[in-house]
PDB file of N, CA and C in Angstrom:
ATOM      1  N   MET A   1      -1.677  19.427 -14.585  1.00  0.00           N
ATOM      2  CA  MET A   1      -1.886  19.939 -13.249  1.00  0.00           C
ATOM      3  C   MET A   1      -0.529  20.106 -12.584  1.00  0.00           C
ATOM      4  N   THR A   2      -0.296  21.243 -12.018  1.00  0.00           N
ATOM      5  CA  THR A   2       0.931  21.519 -11.294  1.00  0.00           C
ATOM      6  C   THR A   2       0.597  21.667  -9.820  1.00  0.00           C
ATOM      7  N   LEU A   3       1.363  20.969  -8.982  1.00  0.00           N
ATOM      8  CA  LEU A   3       1.131  21.022  -7.547  1.00  0.00           C
ATOM      9  C   LEU A   3       2.162  21.927  -6.893  1.00  0.00           C
ATOM     10  N   ASN A   4       1.731  22.666  -5.888  1.00  0.00           N
ATOM     11  CA  ASN A   4       2.692  23.456  -5.122  1.00  0.00           C
ATOM     12  C   ASN A   4       3.338  22.551  -4.064  1.00  0.00           C
ATOM     13  N   ASP A   5       4.287  23.084  -3.308  1.00  0.00           N
ATOM     14  CA  ASP A   5       5.022  22.266  -2.337  1.00  0.00           C
ATOM     15  C   ASP A   5       4.098  21.611  -1.317  1.00  0.00           C
ATOM     16  N   SER A   6       3.157  22.363  -0.807  1.00  0.00           N
ATOM     17  CA  SER A   6       2.220  21.839   0.185  1.00  0.00           C
ATOM     18  C   SER A   6       1.370  20.708  -0.394  1.00  0.00           C
ATOM     19  N   GLU A   7       0.903  20.880  -1.614  1.00  0.00           N
ATOM     20  CA  GLU A   7       0.084  19.852  -2.265  1.00  0.00           C
ATOM     21  C   GLU A   7       0.903  18.596  -2.553  1.00  0.00           C
ATOM     22  N   ARG A   8       2.171  18.761  -2.937  1.00  0.00           N
ATOM     23  CA  ARG A   8       3.029  17.595  -3.171  1.00  0.00           C
ATOM     24  C   ARG A   8       3.247  16.820  -1.876  1.00  0.00           C
ATOM     25  N   GLU A   9       3.500  17.541  -0.787  1.00  0.00           N
ATOM     26  CA  GLU A   9       3.694  16.889   0.512  1.00  0.00           C
ATOM     27  C   GLU A   9       2.435  16.144   0.942  1.00  0.00           C
ATOM     28  N   GLN A  10       1.285  16.769   0.781  1.00  0.00           N
ATOM     29  CA  GLN A  10       0.020  16.132   1.149  1.00  0.00           C
ATOM     30  C   GLN A  10      -0.222  14.884   0.312  1.00  0.00           C
ATOM     31  N   THR A  11      -0.003  14.978  -0.981  1.00  0.00           N
ATOM     32  CA  THR A  11      -0.201  13.839  -1.870  1.00  0.00           C
ATOM     33  C   THR A  11       0.762  12.717  -1.518  1.00  0.00           C
ATOM     34  N   SER A  12       1.984  13.045  -1.190  1.00  0.00           N
ATOM     35  CA  SER A  12       2.958  12.036  -0.785  1.00  0.00           C
ATOM     36  C   SER A  12       2.489  11.312   0.475  1.00  0.00           C
ATOM     37  N   ARG A  13       2.015  12.057   1.462  1.00  0.00           N
ATOM     38  CA  ARG A  13       1.505  11.426   2.689  1.00  0.00           C
ATOM     39  C   ARG A  13       0.345  10.484   2.372  1.00  0.00           C
ATOM     40  N   GLU A  14      -0.536  10.910   1.488  1.00  0.00           N
ATOM     41  CA  GLU A  14      -1.706  10.092   1.148  1.00  0.00           C
ATOM     42  C   GLU A  14      -1.302   8.846   0.364  1.00  0.00           C
ATOM     43  N   LEU A  15      -0.367   8.984  -0.572  1.00  0.00           N
ATOM     44  CA  LEU A  15       0.121   7.809  -1.302  1.00  0.00           C
ATOM     45  C   LEU A  15       0.766   6.817  -0.343  1.00  0.00           C
ATOM     46  N   ARG A  16       1.597   7.303   0.554  1.00  0.00           N
ATOM     47  CA  ARG A  16       2.288   6.418   1.498  1.00  0.00           C
ATOM     48  C   ARG A  16       1.310   5.777   2.488  1.00  0.00           C
ATOM     49  N   ALA A  17       0.269   6.491   2.867  1.00  0.00           N
ATOM     50  CA  ALA A  17      -0.746   5.910   3.751  1.00  0.00           C
ATOM     51  C   ALA A  17      -1.464   4.764   3.048  1.00  0.00           C
ATOM     52  N   ASN A  18      -1.785   4.937   1.775  1.00  0.00           N
ATOM     53  CA  ASN A  18      -2.440   3.859   1.034  1.00  0.00           C
ATOM     54  C   ASN A  18      -1.468   2.730   0.720  1.00  0.00           C
ATOM     55  N   LEU A  19      -0.199   3.040   0.574  1.00  0.00           N
ATOM     56  CA  LEU A  19       0.805   1.982   0.431  1.00  0.00           C
ATOM     57  C   LEU A  19       0.819   1.123   1.694  1.00  0.00           C
ATOM     58  N   ALA A  20       0.800   1.756   2.849  1.00  0.00           N
ATOM     59  CA  ALA A  20       0.770   1.012   4.109  1.00  0.00           C
ATOM     60  C   ALA A  20      -0.495   0.162   4.210  1.00  0.00           C
ATOM     61  N   LEU A  21      -1.636   0.727   3.831  1.00  0.00           N
ATOM     62  CA  LEU A  21      -2.892  -0.036   3.852  1.00  0.00           C
ATOM     63  C   LEU A  21      -2.844  -1.242   2.923  1.00  0.00           C
ATOM     64  N   SER A  22      -2.145  -1.096   1.814  1.00  0.00           N
ATOM     65  CA  SER A  22      -2.087  -2.182   0.827  1.00  0.00           C
ATOM     66  C   SER A  22      -1.243  -3.352   1.304  1.00  0.00           C
ATOM     67  N   GLY A  23      -0.341  -3.092   2.248  1.00  0.00           N
ATOM     68  CA  GLY A  23       0.560  -4.140   2.711  1.00  0.00           C
ATOM     69  C   GLY A  23       1.725  -4.392   1.769  1.00  0.00           C
ATOM     70  N   LEU A  24       1.840  -3.584   0.737  1.00  0.00           N
ATOM     71  CA  LEU A  24       2.917  -3.738  -0.234  1.00  0.00           C
ATOM     72  C   LEU A  24       4.104  -2.865   0.158  1.00  0.00           C
ATOM     73  N   SER A  25       5.239  -3.161  -0.445  1.00  0.00           N
ATOM     74  CA  SER A  25       6.437  -2.347  -0.250  1.00  0.00           C
ATOM     75  C   SER A  25       6.768  -1.629  -1.553  1.00  0.00           C
ATOM     76  N   ALA A  26       7.704  -0.707  -1.480  1.00  0.00           N
ATOM     77  CA  ALA A  26       8.171  -0.033  -2.696  1.00  0.00           C
ATOM     78  C   ALA A  26       8.778  -1.051  -3.651  1.00  0.00           C
ATOM     79  N   ASP A  27       9.449  -2.064  -3.114  1.00  0.00           N
ATOM     80  CA  ASP A  27      10.004  -3.132  -3.957  1.00  0.00           C
ATOM     81  C   ASP A  27       8.892  -3.876  -4.690  1.00  0.00           C
ATOM     82  N   ASP A  28       7.790  -4.157  -3.978  1.00  0.00           N
ATOM     83  CA  ASP A  28       6.647  -4.831  -4.610  1.00  0.00           C
ATOM     84  C   ASP A  28       6.094  -3.986  -5.756  1.00  0.00           C
ATOM     85  N   LEU A  29       5.908  -2.698  -5.496  1.00  0.00           N
ATOM     86  CA  LEU A  29       5.383  -1.809  -6.536  1.00  0.00           C
ATOM     87  C   LEU A  29       6.307  -1.785  -7.742  1.00  0.00           C
ATOM     88  N   ALA A  30       7.597  -1.689  -7.481  1.00  0.00           N
ATOM     89  CA  ALA A  30       8.568  -1.642  -8.581  1.00  0.00           C
ATOM     90  C   ALA A  30       8.455  -2.888  -9.443  1.00  0.00           C
ATOM     91  N   GLY A  31       8.407  -4.053  -8.810  1.00  0.00           N
ATOM     92  CA  GLY A  31       8.296  -5.299  -9.565  1.00  0.00           C
ATOM     93  C   GLY A  31       6.986  -5.410 -10.319  1.00  0.00           C
ATOM     94  N   ASP A  32       5.894  -5.048  -9.668  1.00  0.00           N
ATOM     95  CA  ASP A  32       4.572  -5.159 -10.292  1.00  0.00           C
ATOM     96  C   ASP A  32       4.401  -4.195 -11.461  1.00  0.00           C
ATOM     97  N   LEU A  33       4.994  -3.016 -11.351  1.00  0.00           N
ATOM     98  CA  LEU A  33       4.783  -1.971 -12.356  1.00  0.00           C
ATOM     99  C   LEU A  33       5.942  -1.816 -13.334  1.00  0.00           C
ATOM    100  N   GLY A  34       6.977  -2.627 -13.158  1.00  0.00           N
ATOM    101  CA  GLY A  34       8.114  -2.564 -14.078  1.00  0.00           C
ATOM    102  C   GLY A  34       8.922  -1.282 -13.952  1.00  0.00           C
ATOM    103  N   LEU A  35       9.020  -0.777 -12.735  1.00  0.00           N
ATOM    104  CA  LEU A  35       9.779   0.443 -12.472  1.00  0.00           C
ATOM    105  C   LEU A  35      10.969   0.118 -11.574  1.00  0.00           C
ATOM    106  N   ALA A  36      11.942   0.990 -11.562  1.00  0.00           N
ATOM    107  CA  ALA A  36      13.037   0.883 -10.601  1.00  0.00           C
ATOM    108  C   ALA A  36      12.516   1.339  -9.237  1.00  0.00           C
ATOM    109  N   VAL A  37      13.078   0.779  -8.175  1.00  0.00           N
ATOM    110  CA  VAL A  37      12.666   1.184  -6.830  1.00  0.00           C
ATOM    111  C   VAL A  37      12.876   2.686  -6.644  1.00  0.00           C
ATOM    112  N   SER A  38      13.944   3.217  -7.201  1.00  0.00           N
ATOM    113  CA  SER A  38      14.196   4.665  -7.080  1.00  0.00           C
ATOM    114  C   SER A  38      13.090   5.483  -7.751  1.00  0.00           C
ATOM    115  N   GLU A  39      12.542   4.976  -8.854  1.00  0.00           N
ATOM    116  CA  GLU A  39      11.433   5.668  -9.525  1.00  0.00           C
ATOM    117  C   GLU A  39      10.174   5.621  -8.670  1.00  0.00           C
ATOM    118  N   VAL A  40       9.943   4.478  -8.035  1.00  0.00           N
ATOM    119  CA  VAL A  40       8.783   4.351  -7.149  1.00  0.00           C
ATOM    120  C   VAL A  40       8.923   5.311  -5.974  1.00  0.00           C
ATOM    121  N   GLU A  41      10.097   5.341  -5.360  1.00  0.00           N
ATOM    122  CA  GLU A  41      10.315   6.230  -4.213  1.00  0.00           C
ATOM    123  C   GLU A  41      10.148   7.697  -4.607  1.00  0.00           C
ATOM    124  N   GLU A  42      10.701   8.077  -5.750  1.00  0.00           N
ATOM    125  CA  GLU A  42      10.565   9.462  -6.220  1.00  0.00           C
ATOM    126  C   GLU A  42       9.092   9.796  -6.460  1.00  0.00           C
ATOM    127  N   THR A  43       8.355   8.834  -7.001  1.00  0.00           N
ATOM    128  CA  THR A  43       6.936   9.054  -7.265  1.00  0.00           C
ATOM    129  C   THR A  43       6.151   9.127  -5.963  1.00  0.00           C
ATOM    130  N   LEU A  44       6.450   8.243  -5.012  1.00  0.00           N
ATOM    131  CA  LEU A  44       5.783   8.295  -3.711  1.00  0.00           C
ATOM    132  C   LEU A  44       6.067   9.613  -2.993  1.00  0.00           C
ATOM    133  N   ASP A  45       7.253  10.151  -3.217  1.00  0.00           N
ATOM    134  CA  ASP A  45       7.609  11.446  -2.627  1.00  0.00           C
ATOM    135  C   ASP A  45       6.989  12.614  -3.384  1.00  0.00           C
ATOM    136  N   VAL A  46       6.443  12.336  -4.577  1.00  0.00           N
ATOM    137  CA  VAL A  46       5.960  13.374  -5.481  1.00  0.00           C
ATOM    138  C   VAL A  46       7.057  14.443  -5.592  1.00  0.00           C
ATOM    139  N   GLY A  47       8.263  13.930  -5.812  1.00  0.00           N
ATOM    140  CA  GLY A  47       9.437  14.789  -5.902  1.00  0.00           C
ATOM    141  C   GLY A  47       9.529  15.506  -7.232  1.00  0.00           C
ATOM    142  N   PRO A  48      10.526  16.362  -7.360  1.00  0.00           N
ATOM    143  CA  PRO A  48      10.659  17.166  -8.577  1.00  0.00           C
ATOM    144  C   PRO A  48      10.906  16.347  -9.839  1.00  0.00           C
ATOM    145  N   ALA A  49      11.481  15.159  -9.686  1.00  0.00           N
ATOM    146  CA  ALA A  49      11.745  14.323 -10.864  1.00  0.00           C
ATOM    147  C   ALA A  49      10.616  13.331 -11.138  1.00  0.00           C
ATOM    148  N   SER A  50       9.572  13.350 -10.304  1.00  0.00           N
ATOM    149  CA  SER A  50       8.471  12.401 -10.519  1.00  0.00           C
ATOM    150  C   SER A  50       7.639  12.827 -11.724  1.00  0.00           C
ATOM    151  N   GLU A  51       7.162  11.833 -12.434  1.00  0.00           N
ATOM    152  CA  GLU A  51       6.324  12.093 -13.605  1.00  0.00           C
ATOM    153  C   GLU A  51       4.858  12.070 -13.186  1.00  0.00           C
ATOM    154  N   ARG A  52       4.121  13.046 -13.658  1.00  0.00           N
ATOM    155  CA  ARG A  52       2.700  13.172 -13.305  1.00  0.00           C
ATOM    156  C   ARG A  52       1.937  11.877 -13.569  1.00  0.00           C
ATOM    157  N   GLU A  53       2.219  11.245 -14.711  1.00  0.00           N
ATOM    158  CA  GLU A  53       1.514  10.015 -15.068  1.00  0.00           C
ATOM    159  C   GLU A  53       1.795   8.899 -14.069  1.00  0.00           C
ATOM    160  N   ARG A  54       3.016   8.855 -13.550  1.00  0.00           N
ATOM    161  CA  ARG A  54       3.356   7.816 -12.573  1.00  0.00           C
ATOM    162  C   ARG A  54       2.651   8.042 -11.247  1.00  0.00           C
ATOM    163  N   VAL A  55       2.474   9.298 -10.873  1.00  0.00           N
ATOM    164  CA  VAL A  55       1.740   9.588  -9.638  1.00  0.00           C
ATOM    165  C   VAL A  55       0.325   9.029  -9.758  1.00  0.00           C
ATOM    166  N   TRP A  56      -0.326   9.288 -10.886  1.00  0.00           N
ATOM    167  CA  TRP A  56      -1.681   8.767 -11.102  1.00  0.00           C
ATOM    168  C   TRP A  56      -1.669   7.244 -11.198  1.00  0.00           C
ATOM    169  N   LEU A  57      -0.663   6.666 -11.836  1.00  0.00           N
ATOM    170  CA  LEU A  57      -0.538   5.211 -11.941  1.00  0.00           C
ATOM    171  C   LEU A  57      -0.449   4.585 -10.551  1.00  0.00           C
ATOM    172  N   LEU A  58       0.412   5.132  -9.701  1.00  0.00           N
ATOM    173  CA  LEU A  58       0.537   4.604  -8.339  1.00  0.00           C
ATOM    174  C   LEU A  58      -0.757   4.773  -7.563  1.00  0.00           C
ATOM    175  N   ARG A  59      -1.376   5.912  -7.706  1.00  0.00           N
ATOM    176  CA  ARG A  59      -2.642   6.144  -7.002  1.00  0.00           C
ATOM    177  C   ARG A  59      -3.667   5.070  -7.376  1.00  0.00           C
ATOM    178  N   GLU A  60      -3.871   4.868  -8.660  1.00  0.00           N
ATOM    179  CA  GLU A  60      -4.861   3.888  -9.120  1.00  0.00           C
ATOM    180  C   GLU A  60      -4.477   2.471  -8.708  1.00  0.00           C
ATOM    181  N   TYR A  61      -3.202   2.139  -8.833  1.00  0.00           N
ATOM    182  CA  TYR A  61      -2.737   0.799  -8.476  1.00  0.00           C
ATOM    183  C   TYR A  61      -2.949   0.535  -6.984  1.00  0.00           C
ATOM    184  N   LEU A  62      -2.553   1.487  -6.151  1.00  0.00           N
ATOM    185  CA  LEU A  62      -2.730   1.311  -4.709  1.00  0.00           C
ATOM    186  C   LEU A  62      -4.206   1.222  -4.339  1.00  0.00           C
ATOM    187  N   ASP A  63      -5.040   2.054  -4.946  1.00  0.00           N
ATOM    188  CA  ASP A  63      -6.480   1.985  -4.683  1.00  0.00           C
ATOM    189  C   ASP A  63      -7.028   0.604  -5.023  1.00  0.00           C
ATOM    190  N   GLN A  64      -6.617   0.046  -6.157  1.00  0.00           N
ATOM    191  CA  GLN A  64      -7.076  -1.288  -6.559  1.00  0.00           C
ATOM    192  C   GLN A  64      -6.635  -2.345  -5.557  1.00  0.00           C
ATOM    193  N   LYS A  65      -5.391  -2.266  -5.108  1.00  0.00           N
ATOM    194  CA  LYS A  65      -4.862  -3.261  -4.168  1.00  0.00           C
ATOM    195  C   LYS A  65      -5.566  -3.176  -2.820  1.00  0.00           C
ATOM    196  N   VAL A  66      -5.834  -1.971  -2.354  1.00  0.00           N
ATOM    197  CA  VAL A  66      -6.545  -1.807  -1.084  1.00  0.00           C
ATOM    198  C   VAL A  66      -7.980  -2.327  -1.226  1.00  0.00           C
ATOM    199  N   CYS A  67      -8.655  -1.986  -2.306  1.00  0.00           N
ATOM    200  CA  CYS A  67     -10.029  -2.445  -2.541  1.00  0.00           C
ATOM    201  C   CYS A  67     -10.097  -3.965  -2.672  1.00  0.00           C
ATOM    202  N   ALA A  68      -9.082  -4.566  -3.272  1.00  0.00           N
ATOM    203  CA  ALA A  68      -9.054  -6.024  -3.440  1.00  0.00           C
ATOM    204  C   ALA A  68      -9.016  -6.739  -2.092  1.00  0.00           C
ATOM    205  N   GLN A  69      -8.608  -6.040  -1.059  1.00  0.00           N
ATOM    206  CA  GLN A  69      -8.581  -6.601   0.294  1.00  0.00           C
ATOM    207  C   GLN A  69      -9.880  -6.317   1.048  1.00  0.00           C
ATOM    208  N   GLY A  70     -10.848  -5.730   0.355  1.00  0.00           N
ATOM    209  CA  GLY A  70     -12.120  -5.411   0.983  1.00  0.00           C
ATOM    210  C   GLY A  70     -12.067  -4.170   1.862  1.00  0.00           C
ATOM    211  N   ARG A  71     -11.067  -3.352   1.649  1.00  0.00           N
ATOM    212  CA  ARG A  71     -10.908  -2.140   2.434  1.00  0.00           C
ATOM    213  C   ARG A  71     -11.158  -0.923   1.556  1.00  0.00           C
ATOM    214  N   ASP A  72     -11.350   0.206   2.190  1.00  0.00           N
ATOM    215  CA  ASP A  72     -11.516   1.469   1.471  1.00  0.00           C
ATOM    216  C   ASP A  72     -10.199   2.232   1.506  1.00  0.00           C
ATOM    217  N   PRO A  73      -9.689   2.625   0.336  1.00  0.00           N
ATOM    218  CA  PRO A  73      -8.472   3.437   0.342  1.00  0.00           C
ATOM    219  C   PRO A  73      -8.751   4.802   0.968  1.00  0.00           C
ATOM    220  N   LEU A  74      -7.727   5.363   1.556  1.00  0.00           N
ATOM    221  CA  LEU A  74      -7.868   6.704   2.101  1.00  0.00           C
ATOM    222  C   LEU A  74      -8.051   7.687   0.952  1.00  0.00           C
ATOM    223  N   PRO A  75      -8.868   8.699   1.140  1.00  0.00           N
ATOM    224  CA  PRO A  75      -9.123   9.649   0.048  1.00  0.00           C
ATOM    225  C   PRO A  75      -7.919  10.551  -0.212  1.00  0.00           C
ATOM    226  N   TYR A  76      -7.890  11.083  -1.400  1.00  0.00           N
ATOM    227  CA  TYR A  76      -6.859  12.037  -1.812  1.00  0.00           C
ATOM    228  C   TYR A  76      -7.495  13.416  -1.838  1.00  0.00           C
ATOM    229  N   THR A  77      -6.842  14.366  -1.231  1.00  0.00           N
ATOM    230  CA  THR A  77      -7.418  15.702  -1.149  1.00  0.00           C
ATOM    231  C   THR A  77      -7.045  16.584  -2.330  1.00  0.00           C
ATOM    232  N   VAL A  78      -5.953  16.246  -3.025  1.00  0.00           N
ATOM    233  CA  VAL A  78      -5.495  17.080  -4.132  1.00  0.00           C
ATOM    234  C   VAL A  78      -5.756  16.406  -5.467  1.00  0.00           C
ATOM    235  N   LEU A  79      -5.466  15.134  -5.574  1.00  0.00           N
ATOM    236  CA  LEU A  79      -5.623  14.424  -6.853  1.00  0.00           C
ATOM    237  C   LEU A  79      -7.070  14.072  -7.105  1.00  0.00           C
TER     238      LEU A  79
END
């Protein structure tokens, strides 16, 4: 799946909104997932160097963390 600029921006906003809901930081994600903080930030930005698999990994991980708190993650409109 290839996203256009608008879809990448929307997905980034949604990932960051669920990151905020989770109460975690980019540092937390990096440690939990064995990634560098720069890789997490690039993935959260859905930037040109982000890997598609990492975007899905972050999405699923954040959804699990939000659900574990008894909350509903915000929906994704593109993914």
